[in-house]
Amino acid sequence: MTAGDFLYNQAVVRALNFIARDPENNLEKLISIGERLAFNPDHKDIVAAVKRVLSEDTTWKDYTVKLLQNTTPRVRNRLGVNFFVNAFFKGVPKQFQLRDE
């Protein structure tokens, strides 16, 4: 694991722990932080799509809140690291690299 991977992992774990305290209110705060931190146009599109789905009262928002409230911290953090770090930060650039080859 590189230093960058470690930092991504820790950032995701801390963000998930922050959200889990009050998922309904903190989810919107984290999305707004994500909007400011997304520099890549593809990442901006993904954050906008997540915001569109989770900002309204939808079943996806209910599911996300229940997932954050009802899973153990270890499972929640591992799921978040796998989804955000491995699929999002590492997977999207790898996908573009393979597409270009």
N, C-alpha and C. Protein backbone atom coordinates (compact mmCIF):
# COMPACT_ATOMS: atom_id res chain seq x y z
N MET A 1 0.86 -1.18 0.00
CA MET A 1 0.00 0.00 0.00
C MET A 1 0.90 1.24 0.00
N THR A 2 0.61 2.12 -0.91
CA THR A 2 1.39 3.35 -1.01
C THR A 2 0.87 4.37 0.01
N ALA A 3 1.63 5.43 0.17
CA ALA A 3 1.22 6.48 1.11
C ALA A 3 -0.09 7.13 0.65
N GLY A 4 -0.24 7.31 -0.66
CA GLY A 4 -1.47 7.89 -1.18
C GLY A 4 -2.68 7.01 -0.90
N ASP A 5 -2.51 5.69 -1.06
CA ASP A 5 -3.60 4.76 -0.76
C ASP A 5 -3.98 4.84 0.71
N PHE A 6 -2.97 4.91 1.58
CA PHE A 6 -3.23 5.00 3.01
C PHE A 6 -4.01 6.27 3.34
N LEU A 7 -3.62 7.39 2.74
CA LEU A 7 -4.32 8.65 2.99
C LEU A 7 -5.76 8.60 2.49
N TYR A 8 -5.98 8.03 1.30
CA TYR A 8 -7.34 7.88 0.80
C TYR A 8 -8.17 7.02 1.75
N ASN A 9 -7.59 5.89 2.20
CA ASN A 9 -8.31 5.00 3.11
C ASN A 9 -8.70 5.72 4.39
N GLN A 10 -7.76 6.43 4.98
CA GLN A 10 -8.04 7.13 6.23
C GLN A 10 -9.07 8.24 6.05
N ALA A 11 -8.99 8.93 4.93
CA ALA A 11 -9.98 9.99 4.67
C ALA A 11 -11.38 9.41 4.55
N VAL A 12 -11.51 8.29 3.86
CA VAL A 12 -12.82 7.66 3.70
C VAL A 12 -13.34 7.15 5.04
N VAL A 13 -12.49 6.52 5.83
CA VAL A 13 -12.91 6.01 7.14
C VAL A 13 -13.36 7.15 8.04
N ARG A 14 -12.60 8.22 8.08
CA ARG A 14 -12.99 9.36 8.92
C ARG A 14 -14.29 10.00 8.43
N ALA A 15 -14.45 10.10 7.13
CA ALA A 15 -15.69 10.66 6.58
C ALA A 15 -16.89 9.78 6.92
N LEU A 16 -16.72 8.47 6.82
CA LEU A 16 -17.83 7.56 7.16
C LEU A 16 -18.16 7.61 8.64
N ASN A 17 -17.15 7.72 9.49
CA ASN A 17 -17.41 7.85 10.93
C ASN A 17 -18.14 9.16 11.23
N PHE A 18 -17.80 10.23 10.52
CA PHE A 18 -18.48 11.51 10.69
C PHE A 18 -19.94 11.40 10.25
N ILE A 19 -20.18 10.79 9.11
CA ILE A 19 -21.55 10.65 8.61
C ILE A 19 -22.38 9.79 9.53
N ALA A 20 -21.80 8.73 10.08
CA ALA A 20 -22.56 7.76 10.87
C ALA A 20 -23.14 8.37 12.15
N ARG A 21 -22.57 9.47 12.63
CA ARG A 21 -23.11 10.10 13.84
C ARG A 21 -24.51 10.64 13.62
N ASP A 22 -24.75 11.24 12.46
CA ASP A 22 -26.07 11.78 12.10
C ASP A 22 -26.20 11.71 10.58
N PRO A 23 -26.52 10.53 10.04
CA PRO A 23 -26.47 10.34 8.59
C PRO A 23 -27.37 11.27 7.79
N GLU A 24 -28.53 11.58 8.29
CA GLU A 24 -29.46 12.38 7.50
C GLU A 24 -28.93 13.80 7.26
N ASN A 25 -28.29 14.39 8.24
CA ASN A 25 -27.77 15.75 8.09
C ASN A 25 -26.34 15.77 7.53
N ASN A 26 -25.51 14.86 7.99
CA ASN A 26 -24.10 14.88 7.60
C ASN A 26 -23.86 14.39 6.18
N LEU A 27 -24.80 13.65 5.62
CA LEU A 27 -24.64 13.17 4.25
C LEU A 27 -24.59 14.34 3.27
N GLU A 28 -25.44 15.32 3.48
CA GLU A 28 -25.45 16.50 2.61
C GLU A 28 -24.16 17.32 2.77
N LYS A 29 -23.64 17.39 4.00
CA LYS A 29 -22.39 18.11 4.23
C LYS A 29 -21.24 17.45 3.49
N LEU A 30 -21.21 16.12 3.53
CA LEU A 30 -20.13 15.41 2.86
C LEU A 30 -20.22 15.55 1.34
N ILE A 31 -21.43 15.57 0.81
CA ILE A 31 -21.59 15.76 -0.64
C ILE A 31 -21.07 17.14 -1.04
N SER A 32 -21.34 18.15 -0.23
CA SER A 32 -20.85 19.50 -0.57
C SER A 32 -19.32 19.56 -0.50
N ILE A 33 -18.73 18.83 0.43
CA ILE A 33 -17.26 18.75 0.48
C ILE A 33 -16.74 18.04 -0.76
N GLY A 34 -17.41 16.97 -1.15
CA GLY A 34 -17.02 16.23 -2.35
C GLY A 34 -17.07 17.09 -3.60
N GLU A 35 -18.05 17.99 -3.66
CA GLU A 35 -18.15 18.89 -4.81
C GLU A 35 -16.93 19.80 -4.89
N ARG A 36 -16.46 20.26 -3.75
CA ARG A 36 -15.31 21.15 -3.73
C ARG A 36 -13.99 20.43 -4.00
N LEU A 37 -13.92 19.15 -3.62
CA LEU A 37 -12.67 18.40 -3.77
C LEU A 37 -12.53 17.72 -5.12
N ALA A 38 -13.60 17.59 -5.86
CA ALA A 38 -13.55 16.91 -7.16
C ALA A 38 -12.94 17.85 -8.20
N PHE A 39 -11.75 17.50 -8.67
CA PHE A 39 -11.07 18.31 -9.66
C PHE A 39 -11.24 17.73 -11.06
N ASN A 40 -11.22 16.42 -11.16
CA ASN A 40 -11.37 15.73 -12.42
C ASN A 40 -12.81 15.89 -12.92
N PRO A 41 -13.03 16.22 -14.18
CA PRO A 41 -14.41 16.37 -14.69
C PRO A 41 -15.26 15.12 -14.52
N ASP A 42 -14.64 13.94 -14.64
CA ASP A 42 -15.39 12.70 -14.44
C ASP A 42 -15.84 12.56 -12.99
N HIS A 43 -14.97 12.95 -12.06
CA HIS A 43 -15.33 12.90 -10.65
C HIS A 43 -16.44 13.90 -10.34
N LYS A 44 -16.38 15.07 -10.98
CA LYS A 44 -17.44 16.07 -10.77
C LYS A 44 -18.79 15.55 -11.24
N ASP A 45 -18.79 14.83 -12.36
CA ASP A 45 -20.03 14.24 -12.86
C ASP A 45 -20.59 13.20 -11.90
N ILE A 46 -19.70 12.39 -11.34
CA ILE A 46 -20.13 11.35 -10.40
C ILE A 46 -20.68 11.98 -9.13
N VAL A 47 -20.01 13.00 -8.60
CA VAL A 47 -20.49 13.68 -7.39
C VAL A 47 -21.84 14.33 -7.66
N ALA A 48 -22.01 14.92 -8.83
CA ALA A 48 -23.30 15.54 -9.18
C ALA A 48 -24.41 14.50 -9.25
N ALA A 49 -24.10 13.33 -9.79
CA ALA A 49 -25.11 12.26 -9.85
C ALA A 49 -25.47 11.76 -8.46
N VAL A 50 -24.47 11.62 -7.60
CA VAL A 50 -24.73 11.19 -6.22
C VAL A 50 -25.57 12.23 -5.50
N LYS A 51 -25.25 13.49 -5.70
CA LYS A 51 -26.01 14.56 -5.06
C LYS A 51 -27.46 14.55 -5.53
N ARG A 52 -27.66 14.35 -6.81
CA ARG A 52 -29.01 14.33 -7.36
C ARG A 52 -29.84 13.18 -6.75
N VAL A 53 -29.21 12.03 -6.56
CA VAL A 53 -29.92 10.87 -6.03
C VAL A 53 -30.15 10.97 -4.53
N LEU A 54 -29.15 11.47 -3.79
CA LEU A 54 -29.24 11.45 -2.33
C LEU A 54 -29.77 12.74 -1.72
N SER A 55 -29.93 13.79 -2.49
CA SER A 55 -30.42 15.04 -1.92
C SER A 55 -31.93 15.04 -1.72
N GLU A 56 -32.63 14.31 -2.53
CA GLU A 56 -34.08 14.26 -2.42
C GLU A 56 -34.48 13.12 -1.49
N ASP A 57 -35.75 13.11 -1.10
CA ASP A 57 -36.26 12.00 -0.30
C ASP A 57 -36.59 10.85 -1.23
N THR A 58 -35.63 10.00 -1.46
CA THR A 58 -35.81 8.85 -2.33
C THR A 58 -35.53 7.58 -1.55
N THR A 59 -35.85 6.47 -2.14
CA THR A 59 -35.54 5.20 -1.49
C THR A 59 -34.03 4.99 -1.39
N TRP A 60 -33.26 5.58 -2.33
CA TRP A 60 -31.81 5.46 -2.26
C TRP A 60 -31.26 6.18 -1.03
N LYS A 61 -31.82 7.33 -0.72
CA LYS A 61 -31.36 8.06 0.47
C LYS A 61 -31.74 7.28 1.72
N ASP A 62 -32.97 6.76 1.77
CA ASP A 62 -33.38 5.95 2.92
C ASP A 62 -32.48 4.74 3.09
N TYR A 63 -32.18 4.07 1.98
CA TYR A 63 -31.31 2.90 2.03
C TYR A 63 -29.92 3.28 2.54
N THR A 64 -29.38 4.38 2.05
CA THR A 64 -28.04 4.81 2.46
C THR A 64 -28.01 5.15 3.95
N VAL A 65 -29.02 5.85 4.44
CA VAL A 65 -29.08 6.20 5.86
C VAL A 65 -29.18 4.95 6.70
N LYS A 66 -30.03 4.00 6.31
CA LYS A 66 -30.16 2.75 7.07
C LYS A 66 -28.87 1.95 7.04
N LEU A 67 -28.21 1.94 5.90
CA LEU A 67 -26.94 1.23 5.79
C LEU A 67 -25.90 1.82 6.75
N LEU A 68 -25.84 3.14 6.82
CA LEU A 68 -24.89 3.80 7.72
C LEU A 68 -25.24 3.58 9.18
N GLN A 69 -26.52 3.50 9.50
CA GLN A 69 -26.95 3.35 10.88
C GLN A 69 -26.88 1.91 11.38
N ASN A 70 -27.14 0.95 10.50
CA ASN A 70 -27.35 -0.43 10.95
C ASN A 70 -26.19 -1.37 10.71
N THR A 71 -25.11 -0.91 10.11
CA THR A 71 -23.96 -1.79 9.92
C THR A 71 -22.92 -1.48 10.98
N THR A 72 -22.11 -2.47 11.28
CA THR A 72 -21.05 -2.25 12.25
C THR A 72 -20.00 -1.33 11.63
N PRO A 73 -19.25 -0.61 12.45
CA PRO A 73 -18.25 0.32 11.90
C PRO A 73 -17.22 -0.36 11.01
N ARG A 74 -16.81 -1.56 11.36
CA ARG A 74 -15.80 -2.25 10.56
C ARG A 74 -16.33 -2.57 9.16
N VAL A 75 -17.54 -3.08 9.09
CA VAL A 75 -18.14 -3.41 7.79
C VAL A 75 -18.39 -2.14 6.99
N ARG A 76 -18.92 -1.12 7.64
CA ARG A 76 -19.20 0.17 6.98
C ARG A 76 -17.91 0.76 6.40
N ASN A 77 -16.84 0.75 7.17
CA ASN A 77 -15.58 1.34 6.71
C ASN A 77 -14.97 0.53 5.57
N ARG A 78 -15.02 -0.79 5.68
CA ARG A 78 -14.46 -1.63 4.61
C ARG A 78 -15.23 -1.46 3.31
N LEU A 79 -16.55 -1.40 3.42
CA LEU A 79 -17.40 -1.18 2.25
C LEU A 79 -17.09 0.18 1.62
N GLY A 80 -16.93 1.20 2.44
CA GLY A 80 -16.61 2.53 1.94
C GLY A 80 -15.26 2.59 1.26
N VAL A 81 -14.26 1.96 1.86
CA VAL A 81 -12.92 1.95 1.27
C VAL A 81 -12.95 1.21 -0.06
N ASN A 82 -13.61 0.06 -0.09
CA ASN A 82 -13.67 -0.70 -1.35
C ASN A 82 -14.40 0.08 -2.43
N PHE A 83 -15.49 0.72 -2.07
CA PHE A 83 -16.28 1.43 -3.06
C PHE A 83 -15.60 2.72 -3.51
N PHE A 84 -15.24 3.57 -2.56
CA PHE A 84 -14.70 4.88 -2.93
C PHE A 84 -13.25 4.82 -3.39
N VAL A 85 -12.40 4.18 -2.62
CA VAL A 85 -10.97 4.19 -2.96
C VAL A 85 -10.68 3.25 -4.13
N ASN A 86 -11.08 1.99 -3.98
CA ASN A 86 -10.72 1.01 -5.01
C ASN A 86 -11.49 1.20 -6.31
N ALA A 87 -12.79 1.46 -6.22
CA ALA A 87 -13.59 1.58 -7.44
C ALA A 87 -13.54 2.99 -8.02
N PHE A 88 -13.56 3.99 -7.17
CA PHE A 88 -13.69 5.37 -7.64
C PHE A 88 -12.34 5.99 -7.96
N PHE A 89 -11.46 6.08 -6.96
CA PHE A 89 -10.19 6.77 -7.17
C PHE A 89 -9.21 5.96 -8.01
N LYS A 90 -9.18 4.64 -7.82
CA LYS A 90 -8.26 3.81 -8.60
C LYS A 90 -8.91 3.26 -9.85
N GLY A 91 -10.17 2.89 -9.75
CA GLY A 91 -10.84 2.20 -10.85
C GLY A 91 -11.13 3.07 -12.05
N VAL A 92 -11.56 4.30 -11.84
CA VAL A 92 -11.89 5.18 -12.97
C VAL A 92 -10.66 5.48 -13.82
N PRO A 93 -9.51 5.87 -13.23
CA PRO A 93 -8.33 6.09 -14.08
C PRO A 93 -7.87 4.81 -14.79
N LYS A 94 -7.97 3.68 -14.10
CA LYS A 94 -7.58 2.41 -14.73
C LYS A 94 -8.50 2.09 -15.90
N GLN A 95 -9.78 2.37 -15.74
CA GLN A 95 -10.75 2.14 -16.81
C GLN A 95 -10.41 2.98 -18.03
N PHE A 96 -10.07 4.24 -17.83
CA PHE A 96 -9.70 5.11 -18.95
C PHE A 96 -8.40 4.65 -19.60
N GLN A 97 -7.46 4.18 -18.79
CA GLN A 97 -6.20 3.69 -19.33
C GLN A 97 -6.44 2.46 -20.21
N LEU A 98 -7.26 1.54 -19.74
CA LEU A 98 -7.55 0.34 -20.53
C LEU A 98 -8.34 0.68 -21.78
N ARG A 99 -9.21 1.66 -21.70
CA ARG A 99 -10.00 2.07 -22.86
C ARG A 99 -9.09 2.65 -23.94
N ASP A 100 -8.09 3.42 -23.53
CA ASP A 100 -7.19 4.06 -24.48
C ASP A 100 -6.25 3.06 -25.16
N GLU A 101 -5.99 1.93 -24.51
CA GLU A 101 -5.05 0.94 -25.07
C GLU A 101 -5.65 0.16 -26.17
